[in-house]
Amino acid sequence: MASGTMRPVSEPLLSLENLEVSFPAGAVVRGVSLSVKRGETLGVVGESGSGKTMTALSALRLVPEPGRVTAGKIVFEGKNLLELSEKDMRQIRGGRIAMIFQDPMTSLNPVFTIGDQIAESVALHKGVSKSEAKLAAIEALRRVQIPDAERRARQYPHELSGGMRQRAMIAMALASEPDVLLADEPTTALDVTVQAQILTLIRKLQQELGMAVIFITHDLGVVAQVCDRVAVLYGGQVMEEADVYTLFANPKHPYTQGLLNSLPERTLAPPNSGAGGALNFIPGQPPTRPSEISGCPFRPRCSQAVEKCVEPLPTTILPKEHLVRCHRVTRVE
C-alpha cells in the first residue's frame, strides 16, 4: 500500500467539489461533485461527450490545452491538488493516483518495451534501483496474469494482443500500488471473454490493495458487475447518483431511465417467444456545447420536459442518499 496517513473509512479518499473544466468554446464539466472512499468503486456513466473522461483527467491535472480547471476543488487526503506545485503533483500522479487510459495503443510508447515503461514508473514513484524496478515490472505483469512475464516484459506494445496490452496498462497503473485507480473505459473494444477477465482482475486487485476505484464507462452492464455506487453524467453535470442497486431498481431522472431502457435485456423479446423486438434508444444527440443550453442540458431530448426545465436544476436528496437533479423530482419520496 502506498504510504500516507490512513483516513477513517467513512471519509472520502478523493473528492471533486463543484469542479468546472472549461475550453474556449465553453465549460465541458460544470459543477461536478463526486467522491470515493477507500475500498469503494464509483461508476461514472454517460454517453460520449458527457464529461466523464475530462472529469477523470482533471483529478490528475492532465486536462489537455487549451482546457483548464476554472472552478472547484480536487481534494485528496485532505489536500487540494489544485494548490500543489507540479513537482509535488508528479509524486501523486501515477503513484498515489493512477489511471488506466482508454486506448493502450495510444497510451503506451511504441519505441520502448513494456517492461521498461513499467519499470520507469516504479523507479520514479518508489525510488528503487534500475534492477529492482525491472524485477517489480515483471512481478506487476505476473500480477495481472500475463503468462511468461519475463519474455513479455521485453516486447513492444505492437507485439501484444489487445487484451495483453490492456493488461499491461493495468500492470503499469498498479505497479506503484496506488490509493486511487481511475479506470477510463478499460474494456473498450475487447471481446466479452477478455472483458470479463479484466473486470474480475481489477476487482481482485482492488481487494488486495484496498484501492478506491473510479470506473468510467458507457456500459451499464459493466457498472452492475463492479460498482458500489454510480453517478450519471450528462452535459458535464451529474444528473443522478445512488448506490447501484437503488439506481437500477428505481431510476428517477429521465436520462437515467432512457439509458436503462436501452439495455438489450430490457428491450428485446425472449427467444422463441414469437414477439418482435427492437432496441430502445434516446432520440437526438448529446450537446456539443452544453453550456449554451439553459436549465437542464437533457431538456432538448427529454420526452418529459416541462416549461420549468429552462430554469437552473434543483438538487433533491431522496432516501438512501439518492441524489437527483430534475425539476420533476423535487420532494422526498
C-alpha atoms as a PDB file:
ATOM      1  CA  MET A   1       0.000   0.000   0.000  1.00  0.00           C
ATOM      2  CA  ALA A   2       1.245   3.491  -0.807  1.00  0.00           C
ATOM      3  CA  SER A   3       2.442   5.451   2.177  1.00  0.00           C
ATOM      4  CA  GLY A   4       0.323   8.067   3.848  1.00  0.00           C
ATOM      5  CA  THR A   5      -1.870   8.607   6.876  1.00  0.00           C
ATOM      6  CA  MET A   6      -4.871   6.295   6.870  1.00  0.00           C
ATOM      7  CA  ARG A   7      -8.137   8.219   6.985  1.00  0.00           C
ATOM      8  CA  PRO A   8     -11.353   6.930   8.558  1.00  0.00           C
ATOM      9  CA  VAL A   9     -13.157   4.544   6.212  1.00  0.00           C
ATOM     10  CA  SER A  10     -16.276   6.736   6.277  1.00  0.00           C
ATOM     11  CA  GLU A  11     -14.394   9.735   4.855  1.00  0.00           C
ATOM     12  CA  PRO A  12     -13.810  10.190   1.117  1.00  0.00           C
ATOM     13  CA  LEU A  13     -10.281   9.445  -0.016  1.00  0.00           C
ATOM     14  CA  LEU A  14     -10.713  11.567  -3.162  1.00  0.00           C
ATOM     15  CA  SER A  15     -13.410  14.131  -3.769  1.00  0.00           C
ATOM     16  CA  LEU A  16     -14.193  16.563  -6.563  1.00  0.00           C
ATOM     17  CA  GLU A  17     -16.069  19.587  -5.283  1.00  0.00           C
ATOM     18  CA  ASN A  18     -18.065  21.792  -7.691  1.00  0.00           C
ATOM     19  CA  LEU A  19     -15.491  21.108 -10.384  1.00  0.00           C
ATOM     20  CA  GLU A  20     -15.575  23.112 -13.588  1.00  0.00           C
ATOM     21  CA  VAL A  21     -13.393  22.448 -16.645  1.00  0.00           C
ATOM     22  CA  SER A  22     -13.539  24.947 -19.490  1.00  0.00           C
ATOM     23  CA  PHE A  23     -12.320  25.270 -23.071  1.00  0.00           C
ATOM     24  CA  PRO A  24     -12.598  28.341 -25.314  1.00  0.00           C
ATOM     25  CA  ALA A  25     -15.930  27.012 -26.633  1.00  0.00           C
ATOM     26  CA  GLY A  26     -17.340  26.738 -23.107  1.00  0.00           C
ATOM     27  CA  ALA A  27     -17.398  24.576 -19.991  1.00  0.00           C
ATOM     28  CA  VAL A  28     -17.419  20.799 -20.525  1.00  0.00           C
ATOM     29  CA  VAL A  29     -17.552  19.899 -16.823  1.00  0.00           C
ATOM     30  CA  ARG A  30     -19.949  22.081 -14.878  1.00  0.00           C
ATOM     31  CA  GLY A  31     -20.182  21.938 -11.112  1.00  0.00           C
ATOM     32  CA  VAL A  32     -19.440  18.218 -10.763  1.00  0.00           C
ATOM     33  CA  SER A  33     -19.138  16.902  -7.205  1.00  0.00           C
ATOM     34  CA  LEU A  34     -18.087  13.280  -6.727  1.00  0.00           C
ATOM     35  CA  SER A  35     -16.294  11.346  -4.006  1.00  0.00           C
ATOM     36  CA  VAL A  36     -14.951   7.855  -3.451  1.00  0.00           C
ATOM     37  CA  LYS A  37     -13.859   6.072  -0.256  1.00  0.00           C
ATOM     38  CA  ARG A  38     -11.037   3.609   0.277  1.00  0.00           C
ATOM     39  CA  GLY A  39     -12.082   0.172  -0.988  1.00  0.00           C
ATOM     40  CA  GLU A  40     -15.133   1.555  -2.838  1.00  0.00           C
ATOM     41  CA  THR A  41     -15.884   1.523  -6.570  1.00  0.00           C
ATOM     42  CA  LEU A  42     -17.714   4.521  -8.007  1.00  0.00           C
ATOM     43  CA  GLY A  43     -19.088   4.146 -11.522  1.00  0.00           C
ATOM     44  CA  VAL A  44     -19.293   7.248 -13.714  1.00  0.00           C
ATOM     45  CA  VAL A  45     -21.563   6.661 -16.706  1.00  0.00           C
ATOM     46  CA  GLY A  46     -22.898   8.632 -19.633  1.00  0.00           C
ATOM     47  CA  GLU A  47     -22.755   8.933 -23.398  1.00  0.00           C
ATOM     48  CA  SER A  48     -19.696  10.159 -25.276  1.00  0.00           C
ATOM     49  CA  GLY A  49     -19.233  13.860 -24.617  1.00  0.00           C
ATOM     50  CA  SER A  50     -20.869  13.794 -21.189  1.00  0.00           C
ATOM     51  CA  GLY A  51     -17.659  14.888 -19.460  1.00  0.00           C
ATOM     52  CA  LYS A  52     -16.586  11.549 -17.965  1.00  0.00           C
ATOM     53  CA  THR A  53     -13.011  11.413 -19.233  1.00  0.00           C
ATOM     54  CA  MET A  54     -12.372  15.137 -18.683  1.00  0.00           C
ATOM     55  CA  THR A  55     -13.530  14.753 -15.085  1.00  0.00           C
ATOM     56  CA  ALA A  56     -11.016  11.938 -14.564  1.00  0.00           C
ATOM     57  CA  LEU A  57      -8.175  13.820 -16.262  1.00  0.00           C
ATOM     58  CA  SER A  58      -8.820  16.829 -14.058  1.00  0.00           C
ATOM     59  CA  ALA A  59      -8.214  14.675 -10.960  1.00  0.00           C
ATOM     60  CA  LEU A  60      -4.657  14.170 -12.232  1.00  0.00           C
ATOM     61  CA  ARG A  61      -4.335  17.739 -13.511  1.00  0.00           C
ATOM     62  CA  LEU A  62      -3.965  16.382 -17.039  1.00  0.00           C
ATOM     63  CA  VAL A  63      -6.667  18.425 -18.786  1.00  0.00           C
ATOM     64  CA  PRO A  64      -5.313  18.979 -22.322  1.00  0.00           C
ATOM     65  CA  GLU A  65      -4.592  22.508 -23.512  1.00  0.00           C
ATOM     66  CA  PRO A  66      -6.320  24.870 -24.071  1.00  0.00           C
ATOM     67  CA  GLY A  67      -8.665  23.442 -21.436  1.00  0.00           C
ATOM     68  CA  ARG A  68      -8.215  24.198 -17.757  1.00  0.00           C
ATOM     69  CA  VAL A  69      -9.909  23.765 -14.399  1.00  0.00           C
ATOM     70  CA  THR A  70     -11.699  27.067 -13.814  1.00  0.00           C
ATOM     71  CA  ALA A  71     -13.509  26.390 -10.529  1.00  0.00           C
ATOM     72  CA  GLY A  72     -13.834  23.917  -7.680  1.00  0.00           C
ATOM     73  CA  LYS A  73     -11.507  21.711  -5.664  1.00  0.00           C
ATOM     74  CA  ILE A  74      -9.848  18.308  -6.070  1.00  0.00           C
ATOM     75  CA  VAL A  75      -9.250  17.032  -2.544  1.00  0.00           C
ATOM     76  CA  PHE A  76      -7.035  14.013  -1.900  1.00  0.00           C
ATOM     77  CA  GLU A  77      -6.333  13.027   1.701  1.00  0.00           C
ATOM     78  CA  GLY A  78      -7.392  16.498   2.813  1.00  0.00           C
ATOM     79  CA  LYS A  79      -5.194  18.398   0.338  1.00  0.00           C
ATOM     80  CA  ASN A  80      -6.475  20.415  -2.608  1.00  0.00           C
ATOM     81  CA  LEU A  81      -4.432  19.100  -5.546  1.00  0.00           C
ATOM     82  CA  LEU A  82      -5.050  22.292  -7.493  1.00  0.00           C
ATOM     83  CA  GLU A  83      -2.849  24.130  -4.978  1.00  0.00           C
ATOM     84  CA  LEU A  84       0.155  21.792  -5.278  1.00  0.00           C
ATOM     85  CA  SER A  85       3.245  22.546  -7.309  1.00  0.00           C
ATOM     86  CA  GLU A  86       3.839  20.490 -10.453  1.00  0.00           C
ATOM     87  CA  LYS A  87       6.777  18.800  -8.687  1.00  0.00           C
ATOM     88  CA  ASP A  88       4.566  17.661  -5.812  1.00  0.00           C
ATOM     89  CA  MET A  89       1.839  16.654  -8.249  1.00  0.00           C
ATOM     90  CA  ARG A  90       4.240  14.353 -10.115  1.00  0.00           C
ATOM     91  CA  GLN A  91       4.726  12.364  -6.909  1.00  0.00           C
ATOM     92  CA  ILE A  92       0.967  11.819  -6.648  1.00  0.00           C
ATOM     93  CA  ARG A  93       0.233  11.294 -10.335  1.00  0.00           C
ATOM     94  CA  GLY A  94       0.901   7.665 -11.215  1.00  0.00           C
ATOM     95  CA  GLY A  95       1.993   6.889  -7.667  1.00  0.00           C
ATOM     96  CA  ARG A  96      -0.842   7.688  -5.271  1.00  0.00           C
ATOM     97  CA  ILE A  97      -3.456   8.196  -8.002  1.00  0.00           C
ATOM     98  CA  ALA A  98      -3.094   6.116 -11.166  1.00  0.00           C
ATOM     99  CA  MET A  99      -5.108   5.873 -14.363  1.00  0.00           C
ATOM    100  CA  ILE A 100      -5.866   3.184 -16.911  1.00  0.00           C
ATOM    101  CA  PHE A 101      -6.343   5.087 -20.147  1.00  0.00           C
ATOM    102  CA  GLN A 102      -8.964   4.249 -22.733  1.00  0.00           C
ATOM    103  CA  ASP A 103      -6.719   3.163 -25.615  1.00  0.00           C
ATOM    104  CA  PRO A 104      -3.497   1.344 -24.673  1.00  0.00           C
ATOM    105  CA  MET A 105      -2.036   1.648 -28.187  1.00  0.00           C
ATOM    106  CA  THR A 106      -2.041   5.446 -27.932  1.00  0.00           C
ATOM    107  CA  SER A 107      -1.062   5.496 -24.243  1.00  0.00           C
ATOM    108  CA  LEU A 108       1.890   3.110 -24.431  1.00  0.00           C
ATOM    109  CA  ASN A 109       5.105   4.380 -26.039  1.00  0.00           C
ATOM    110  CA  PRO A 110       5.765   2.292 -29.170  1.00  0.00           C
ATOM    111  CA  VAL A 111       9.568   2.675 -29.031  1.00  0.00           C
ATOM    112  CA  PHE A 112      10.062   1.294 -25.513  1.00  0.00           C
ATOM    113  CA  THR A 113       9.423  -2.219 -24.247  1.00  0.00           C
ATOM    114  CA  ILE A 114       6.514  -2.912 -21.920  1.00  0.00           C
ATOM    115  CA  GLY A 115       8.920  -3.773 -19.103  1.00  0.00           C
ATOM    116  CA  ASP A 116      10.925  -0.560 -19.475  1.00  0.00           C
ATOM    117  CA  GLN A 117       7.783   1.563 -19.363  1.00  0.00           C
ATOM    118  CA  ILE A 118       6.516  -0.096 -16.200  1.00  0.00           C
ATOM    119  CA  ALA A 119       9.980  -0.023 -14.605  1.00  0.00           C
ATOM    120  CA  GLU A 120      10.300   3.711 -15.277  1.00  0.00           C
ATOM    121  CA  SER A 121       7.069   4.357 -13.370  1.00  0.00           C
ATOM    122  CA  VAL A 122       8.178   2.150 -10.457  1.00  0.00           C
ATOM    123  CA  ALA A 123      11.592   3.819 -10.229  1.00  0.00           C
ATOM    124  CA  LEU A 124      10.011   7.275 -10.236  1.00  0.00           C
ATOM    125  CA  HIS A 125       7.413   6.619  -7.544  1.00  0.00           C
ATOM    126  CA  LYS A 126       9.159   4.081  -5.321  1.00  0.00           C
ATOM    127  CA  GLY A 127      12.728   5.373  -5.542  1.00  0.00           C
ATOM    128  CA  VAL A 128      14.254   1.946  -6.179  1.00  0.00           C
ATOM    129  CA  SER A 129      17.245   0.993  -8.313  1.00  0.00           C
ATOM    130  CA  LYS A 130      17.002   0.209 -12.013  1.00  0.00           C
ATOM    131  CA  SER A 131      17.399  -3.526 -11.436  1.00  0.00           C
ATOM    132  CA  GLU A 132      14.802  -3.530  -8.656  1.00  0.00           C
ATOM    133  CA  ALA A 133      12.400  -1.601 -10.882  1.00  0.00           C
ATOM    134  CA  LYS A 134      12.783  -4.194 -13.658  1.00  0.00           C
ATOM    135  CA  LEU A 135      12.011  -7.020 -11.236  1.00  0.00           C
ATOM    136  CA  ALA A 136       8.983  -5.073  -9.973  1.00  0.00           C
ATOM    137  CA  ALA A 137       7.798  -4.606 -13.570  1.00  0.00           C
ATOM    138  CA  ILE A 138       7.941  -8.366 -14.206  1.00  0.00           C
ATOM    139  CA  GLU A 139       6.071  -9.000 -10.958  1.00  0.00           C
ATOM    140  CA  ALA A 140       3.440  -6.452 -11.988  1.00  0.00           C
ATOM    141  CA  LEU A 141       2.911  -8.351 -15.256  1.00  0.00           C
ATOM    142  CA  ARG A 142       2.556 -11.599 -13.311  1.00  0.00           C
ATOM    143  CA  ARG A 143       0.013  -9.957 -11.012  1.00  0.00           C
ATOM    144  CA  VAL A 144      -2.248  -9.190 -13.972  1.00  0.00           C
ATOM    145  CA  GLN A 145      -1.899 -12.816 -15.102  1.00  0.00           C
ATOM    146  CA  ILE A 146       0.249 -12.257 -18.183  1.00  0.00           C
ATOM    147  CA  PRO A 147       1.943 -15.599 -18.941  1.00  0.00           C
ATOM    148  CA  ASP A 148       5.718 -15.766 -19.441  1.00  0.00           C
ATOM    149  CA  ALA A 149       6.085 -12.309 -17.890  1.00  0.00           C
ATOM    150  CA  GLU A 150       9.857 -12.125 -18.361  1.00  0.00           C
ATOM    151  CA  ARG A 151       9.545 -12.522 -22.137  1.00  0.00           C
ATOM    152  CA  ARG A 152       6.536 -10.203 -22.392  1.00  0.00           C
ATOM    153  CA  ALA A 153       8.433  -7.505 -20.498  1.00  0.00           C
ATOM    154  CA  ARG A 154      10.980  -7.451 -23.350  1.00  0.00           C
ATOM    155  CA  GLN A 155       8.320  -6.990 -26.026  1.00  0.00           C
ATOM    156  CA  TYR A 156       6.992  -3.795 -27.573  1.00  0.00           C
ATOM    157  CA  PRO A 157       3.315  -2.738 -27.477  1.00  0.00           C
ATOM    158  CA  HIS A 158       2.663  -3.752 -31.111  1.00  0.00           C
ATOM    159  CA  GLU A 159       3.766  -7.300 -30.315  1.00  0.00           C
ATOM    160  CA  LEU A 160       0.942  -7.815 -27.823  1.00  0.00           C
ATOM    161  CA  SER A 161      -2.716  -8.552 -28.483  1.00  0.00           C
ATOM    162  CA  GLY A 162      -5.406  -6.045 -27.474  1.00  0.00           C
ATOM    163  CA  GLY A 163      -6.182  -7.937 -24.285  1.00  0.00           C
ATOM    164  CA  MET A 164      -2.487  -8.231 -23.388  1.00  0.00           C
ATOM    165  CA  ARG A 165      -1.913  -4.508 -23.971  1.00  0.00           C
ATOM    166  CA  GLN A 166      -4.826  -3.709 -21.702  1.00  0.00           C
ATOM    167  CA  ARG A 167      -3.399  -5.971 -19.009  1.00  0.00           C
ATOM    168  CA  ALA A 168      -0.027  -4.233 -19.441  1.00  0.00           C
ATOM    169  CA  MET A 169      -1.738  -0.873 -18.926  1.00  0.00           C
ATOM    170  CA  ILE A 170      -3.341  -2.195 -15.750  1.00  0.00           C
ATOM    171  CA  ALA A 171       0.034  -3.540 -14.612  1.00  0.00           C
ATOM    172  CA  MET A 172       1.623  -0.126 -15.154  1.00  0.00           C
ATOM    173  CA  ALA A 173      -1.164   1.625 -13.258  1.00  0.00           C
ATOM    174  CA  LEU A 174      -0.963  -0.790 -10.324  1.00  0.00           C
ATOM    175  CA  ALA A 175       2.820  -1.254 -10.159  1.00  0.00           C
ATOM    176  CA  SER A 176       3.177   1.547  -7.591  1.00  0.00           C
ATOM    177  CA  GLU A 177       0.215   0.239  -5.564  1.00  0.00           C
ATOM    178  CA  PRO A 178      -1.874   3.441  -5.809  1.00  0.00           C
ATOM    179  CA  ASP A 179      -4.516   4.540  -3.337  1.00  0.00           C
ATOM    180  CA  VAL A 180      -6.899   5.577  -6.124  1.00  0.00           C
ATOM    181  CA  LEU A 181      -7.339   3.988  -9.552  1.00  0.00           C
ATOM    182  CA  LEU A 182      -9.094   5.856 -12.352  1.00  0.00           C
ATOM    183  CA  ALA A 183     -10.202   3.302 -14.957  1.00  0.00           C
ATOM    184  CA  ASP A 184     -11.349   5.016 -18.162  1.00  0.00           C
ATOM    185  CA  GLU A 185     -13.266   2.524 -20.336  1.00  0.00           C
ATOM    186  CA  PRO A 186     -10.685  -0.204 -19.588  1.00  0.00           C
ATOM    187  CA  THR A 187     -12.611  -2.881 -21.519  1.00  0.00           C
ATOM    188  CA  THR A 188     -13.430  -0.879 -24.669  1.00  0.00           C
ATOM    189  CA  ALA A 189     -13.109  -2.877 -27.921  1.00  0.00           C
ATOM    190  CA  LEU A 190     -12.298  -6.121 -26.104  1.00  0.00           C
ATOM    191  CA  ASP A 191     -14.262  -9.313 -26.682  1.00  0.00           C
ATOM    192  CA  VAL A 192     -16.623 -10.381 -23.904  1.00  0.00           C
ATOM    193  CA  THR A 193     -14.340 -13.126 -22.590  1.00  0.00           C
ATOM    194  CA  VAL A 194     -11.340 -10.808 -22.182  1.00  0.00           C
ATOM    195  CA  GLN A 195     -13.629  -8.095 -20.796  1.00  0.00           C
ATOM    196  CA  ALA A 196     -14.892 -10.442 -18.079  1.00  0.00           C
ATOM    197  CA  GLN A 197     -11.332 -11.444 -17.202  1.00  0.00           C
ATOM    198  CA  ILE A 198     -10.186  -7.829 -16.888  1.00  0.00           C
ATOM    199  CA  LEU A 199     -13.177  -6.828 -14.755  1.00  0.00           C
ATOM    200  CA  THR A 200     -12.529  -9.763 -12.431  1.00  0.00           C
ATOM    201  CA  LEU A 201      -8.857  -8.842 -12.306  1.00  0.00           C
ATOM    202  CA  ILE A 202      -9.497  -5.197 -11.365  1.00  0.00           C
ATOM    203  CA  ARG A 203     -11.910  -6.276  -8.636  1.00  0.00           C
ATOM    204  CA  LYS A 204      -9.422  -8.816  -7.252  1.00  0.00           C
ATOM    205  CA  LEU A 205      -6.534  -6.353  -7.214  1.00  0.00           C
ATOM    206  CA  GLN A 206      -8.718  -3.708  -5.604  1.00  0.00           C
ATOM    207  CA  GLN A 207      -9.467  -6.078  -2.735  1.00  0.00           C
ATOM    208  CA  GLU A 208      -5.787  -6.980  -2.372  1.00  0.00           C
ATOM    209  CA  LEU A 209      -4.582  -3.363  -2.366  1.00  0.00           C
ATOM    210  CA  GLY A 210      -7.570  -1.662  -0.699  1.00  0.00           C
ATOM    211  CA  MET A 211      -7.818   0.891  -3.516  1.00  0.00           C
ATOM    212  CA  ALA A 212     -10.585   3.321  -4.224  1.00  0.00           C
ATOM    213  CA  VAL A 213     -11.676   2.911  -7.863  1.00  0.00           C
ATOM    214  CA  ILE A 214     -13.479   5.331 -10.172  1.00  0.00           C
ATOM    215  CA  PHE A 215     -14.746   3.270 -13.105  1.00  0.00           C
ATOM    216  CA  ILE A 216     -15.627   5.356 -16.161  1.00  0.00           C
ATOM    217  CA  THR A 217     -17.839   3.692 -18.751  1.00  0.00           C
ATOM    218  CA  HIS A 218     -20.864   3.981 -21.008  1.00  0.00           C
ATOM    219  CA  ASP A 219     -21.760   0.337 -20.304  1.00  0.00           C
ATOM    220  CA  LEU A 220     -24.354  -0.058 -17.559  1.00  0.00           C
ATOM    221  CA  GLY A 221     -23.890  -3.823 -17.675  1.00  0.00           C
ATOM    222  CA  VAL A 222     -20.300  -3.338 -16.526  1.00  0.00           C
ATOM    223  CA  VAL A 223     -21.469  -0.942 -13.803  1.00  0.00           C
ATOM    224  CA  ALA A 224     -23.827  -3.588 -12.434  1.00  0.00           C
ATOM    225  CA  GLN A 225     -20.936  -6.054 -12.169  1.00  0.00           C
ATOM    226  CA  VAL A 226     -18.227  -3.990 -10.496  1.00  0.00           C
ATOM    227  CA  CYS A 227     -19.578  -0.789  -8.898  1.00  0.00           C
ATOM    228  CA  ASP A 228     -20.888   0.055  -5.430  1.00  0.00           C
ATOM    229  CA  ARG A 229     -22.256   3.470  -6.367  1.00  0.00           C
ATOM    230  CA  VAL A 230     -22.919   5.138  -9.697  1.00  0.00           C
ATOM    231  CA  ALA A 231     -23.070   8.738 -10.905  1.00  0.00           C
ATOM    232  CA  VAL A 232     -24.816   9.528 -14.194  1.00  0.00           C
ATOM    233  CA  LEU A 233     -23.295  12.434 -16.145  1.00  0.00           C
ATOM    234  CA  TYR A 234     -24.875  14.377 -18.972  1.00  0.00           C
ATOM    235  CA  GLY A 235     -23.780  17.667 -20.483  1.00  0.00           C
ATOM    236  CA  GLY A 236     -20.941  17.954 -17.966  1.00  0.00           C
ATOM    237  CA  GLN A 237     -23.241  17.686 -14.936  1.00  0.00           C
ATOM    238  CA  VAL A 238     -24.266  14.954 -12.502  1.00  0.00           C
ATOM    239  CA  MET A 239     -27.897  14.101 -13.239  1.00  0.00           C
ATOM    240  CA  GLU A 240     -28.312  11.310 -10.700  1.00  0.00           C
ATOM    241  CA  GLU A 241     -26.249   9.430  -8.125  1.00  0.00           C
ATOM    242  CA  ALA A 242     -27.116   6.456  -5.922  1.00  0.00           C
ATOM    243  CA  ASP A 243     -25.919   3.051  -4.863  1.00  0.00           C
ATOM    244  CA  VAL A 244     -26.007   0.655  -7.810  1.00  0.00           C
ATOM    245  CA  TYR A 245     -28.994  -1.353  -6.530  1.00  0.00           C
ATOM    246  CA  THR A 246     -31.160   1.735  -5.948  1.00  0.00           C
ATOM    247  CA  LEU A 247     -30.280   3.273  -9.304  1.00  0.00           C
ATOM    248  CA  PHE A 248     -31.090   0.150 -11.303  1.00  0.00           C
ATOM    249  CA  ALA A 249     -34.293  -0.586  -9.378  1.00  0.00           C
ATOM    250  CA  ASN A 250     -35.630   2.956  -9.094  1.00  0.00           C
ATOM    251  CA  PRO A 251     -34.076   5.422 -11.583  1.00  0.00           C
ATOM    252  CA  LYS A 252     -35.604   8.877 -11.259  1.00  0.00           C
ATOM    253  CA  HIS A 253     -34.008  11.097 -13.884  1.00  0.00           C
ATOM    254  CA  PRO A 254     -35.443  10.712 -17.415  1.00  0.00           C
ATOM    255  CA  TYR A 255     -31.906  10.379 -18.799  1.00  0.00           C
ATOM    256  CA  THR A 256     -31.065   7.511 -16.446  1.00  0.00           C
ATOM    257  CA  GLN A 257     -34.376   5.870 -17.321  1.00  0.00           C
ATOM    258  CA  GLY A 258     -33.532   6.191 -21.012  1.00  0.00           C
ATOM    259  CA  LEU A 259     -30.103   4.613 -20.538  1.00  0.00           C
ATOM    260  CA  LEU A 260     -31.529   1.670 -18.609  1.00  0.00           C
ATOM    261  CA  ASN A 261     -34.394   1.175 -21.059  1.00  0.00           C
ATOM    262  CA  SER A 262     -31.822   0.993 -23.870  1.00  0.00           C
ATOM    263  CA  LEU A 263     -30.223  -2.125 -22.396  1.00  0.00           C
ATOM    264  CA  PRO A 264     -30.859  -5.078 -24.743  1.00  0.00           C
ATOM    265  CA  GLU A 265     -32.175  -7.309 -21.948  1.00  0.00           C
ATOM    266  CA  ARG A 266     -34.868  -4.735 -21.183  1.00  0.00           C
ATOM    267  CA  THR A 267     -35.792  -4.276 -24.834  1.00  0.00           C
ATOM    268  CA  LEU A 268     -35.746  -7.481 -26.836  1.00  0.00           C
ATOM    269  CA  ALA A 269     -38.352 -10.199 -26.548  1.00  0.00           C
ATOM    270  CA  PRO A 270     -37.237 -13.563 -25.113  1.00  0.00           C
ATOM    271  CA  PRO A 271     -36.049 -16.153 -27.658  1.00  0.00           C
ATOM    272  CA  ASN A 272     -38.811 -18.255 -29.224  1.00  0.00           C
ATOM    273  CA  SER A 273     -41.484 -16.023 -27.683  1.00  0.00           C
ATOM    274  CA  GLY A 274     -42.978 -15.166 -31.056  1.00  0.00           C
ATOM    275  CA  ALA A 275     -42.837 -11.476 -30.160  1.00  0.00           C
ATOM    276  CA  GLY A 276     -40.839  -8.991 -32.165  1.00  0.00           C
ATOM    277  CA  GLY A 277     -38.452  -6.581 -30.540  1.00  0.00           C
ATOM    278  CA  ALA A 278     -36.398  -3.541 -31.392  1.00  0.00           C
ATOM    279  CA  LEU A 279     -33.787  -1.769 -29.351  1.00  0.00           C
ATOM    280  CA  ASN A 280     -34.996   1.296 -27.500  1.00  0.00           C
ATOM    281  CA  PHE A 281     -32.889   4.421 -27.809  1.00  0.00           C
ATOM    282  CA  ILE A 282     -32.783   8.028 -26.692  1.00  0.00           C
ATOM    283  CA  PRO A 283     -33.659  10.292 -29.646  1.00  0.00           C
ATOM    284  CA  GLY A 284     -31.250  13.036 -30.649  1.00  0.00           C
ATOM    285  CA  GLN A 285     -27.584  13.572 -29.885  1.00  0.00           C
ATOM    286  CA  PRO A 286     -25.677  14.780 -26.817  1.00  0.00           C
ATOM    287  CA  PRO A 287     -24.977  18.538 -26.929  1.00  0.00           C
ATOM    288  CA  THR A 288     -21.620  19.661 -28.288  1.00  0.00           C
ATOM    289  CA  ARG A 289     -21.841  22.892 -26.272  1.00  0.00           C
ATOM    290  CA  PRO A 290     -23.901  22.052 -23.186  1.00  0.00           C
ATOM    291  CA  SER A 291     -23.102  25.369 -21.520  1.00  0.00           C
ATOM    292  CA  GLU A 292     -25.260  27.102 -24.145  1.00  0.00           C
ATOM    293  CA  ILE A 293     -28.389  25.173 -23.061  1.00  0.00           C
ATOM    294  CA  SER A 294     -30.354  26.933 -20.342  1.00  0.00           C
ATOM    295  CA  GLY A 295     -31.522  24.809 -17.435  1.00  0.00           C
ATOM    296  CA  CYS A 296     -31.318  21.052 -17.806  1.00  0.00           C
ATOM    297  CA  PRO A 297     -28.885  20.031 -20.583  1.00  0.00           C
ATOM    298  CA  PHE A 298     -31.027  16.976 -21.338  1.00  0.00           C
ATOM    299  CA  ARG A 299     -34.113  19.128 -21.972  1.00  0.00           C
ATOM    300  CA  PRO A 300     -33.906  19.139 -25.829  1.00  0.00           C
ATOM    301  CA  ARG A 301     -34.039  15.308 -25.877  1.00  0.00           C
ATOM    302  CA  CYS A 302     -36.363  14.725 -22.928  1.00  0.00           C
ATOM    303  CA  SER A 303     -39.908  13.475 -23.563  1.00  0.00           C
ATOM    304  CA  GLN A 304     -40.863  14.539 -20.029  1.00  0.00           C
ATOM    305  CA  ALA A 305     -39.611  18.126 -20.282  1.00  0.00           C
ATOM    306  CA  VAL A 306     -41.817  20.890 -18.897  1.00  0.00           C
ATOM    307  CA  GLU A 307     -41.621  24.664 -19.074  1.00  0.00           C
ATOM    308  CA  LYS A 308     -39.735  24.848 -15.773  1.00  0.00           C
ATOM    309  CA  CYS A 309     -36.844  22.814 -17.224  1.00  0.00           C
ATOM    310  CA  VAL A 310     -35.258  26.006 -18.639  1.00  0.00           C
ATOM    311  CA  GLU A 311     -34.534  27.101 -15.056  1.00  0.00           C
ATOM    312  CA  PRO A 312     -31.411  26.071 -13.076  1.00  0.00           C
ATOM    313  CA  LEU A 313     -31.512  22.477 -11.927  1.00  0.00           C
ATOM    314  CA  PRO A 314     -32.587  21.732  -8.338  1.00  0.00           C
ATOM    315  CA  THR A 315     -30.801  19.083  -6.273  1.00  0.00           C
ATOM    316  CA  THR A 316     -33.024  16.640  -4.413  1.00  0.00           C
ATOM    317  CA  ILE A 317     -31.780  14.025  -1.955  1.00  0.00           C
ATOM    318  CA  LEU A 318     -34.105  11.032  -1.682  1.00  0.00           C
ATOM    319  CA  PRO A 319     -33.802   8.200   0.877  1.00  0.00           C
ATOM    320  CA  LYS A 320     -30.623   6.067   0.705  1.00  0.00           C
ATOM    321  CA  GLU A 321     -28.621   9.172  -0.316  1.00  0.00           C
ATOM    322  CA  HIS A 322     -30.205   9.037  -3.763  1.00  0.00           C
ATOM    323  CA  LEU A 323     -29.357  12.346  -5.472  1.00  0.00           C
ATOM    324  CA  VAL A 324     -31.487  13.530  -8.404  1.00  0.00           C
ATOM    325  CA  ARG A 325     -31.231  16.791 -10.359  1.00  0.00           C
ATOM    326  CA  CYS A 326     -34.557  17.152 -12.175  1.00  0.00           C
ATOM    327  CA  HIS A 327     -37.459  19.594 -11.912  1.00  0.00           C
ATOM    328  CA  ARG A 328     -39.881  16.662 -11.887  1.00  0.00           C
ATOM    329  CA  VAL A 329     -38.265  15.242  -8.745  1.00  0.00           C
ATOM    330  CA  THR A 330     -38.327  17.929  -6.095  1.00  0.00           C
ATOM    331  CA  ARG A 331     -39.576  16.182  -2.972  1.00  0.00           C
ATOM    332  CA  VAL A 332     -38.509  13.361  -0.691  1.00  0.00           C
ATOM    333  CA  GLU A 333     -40.438  10.222  -1.640  1.00  0.00           C
END
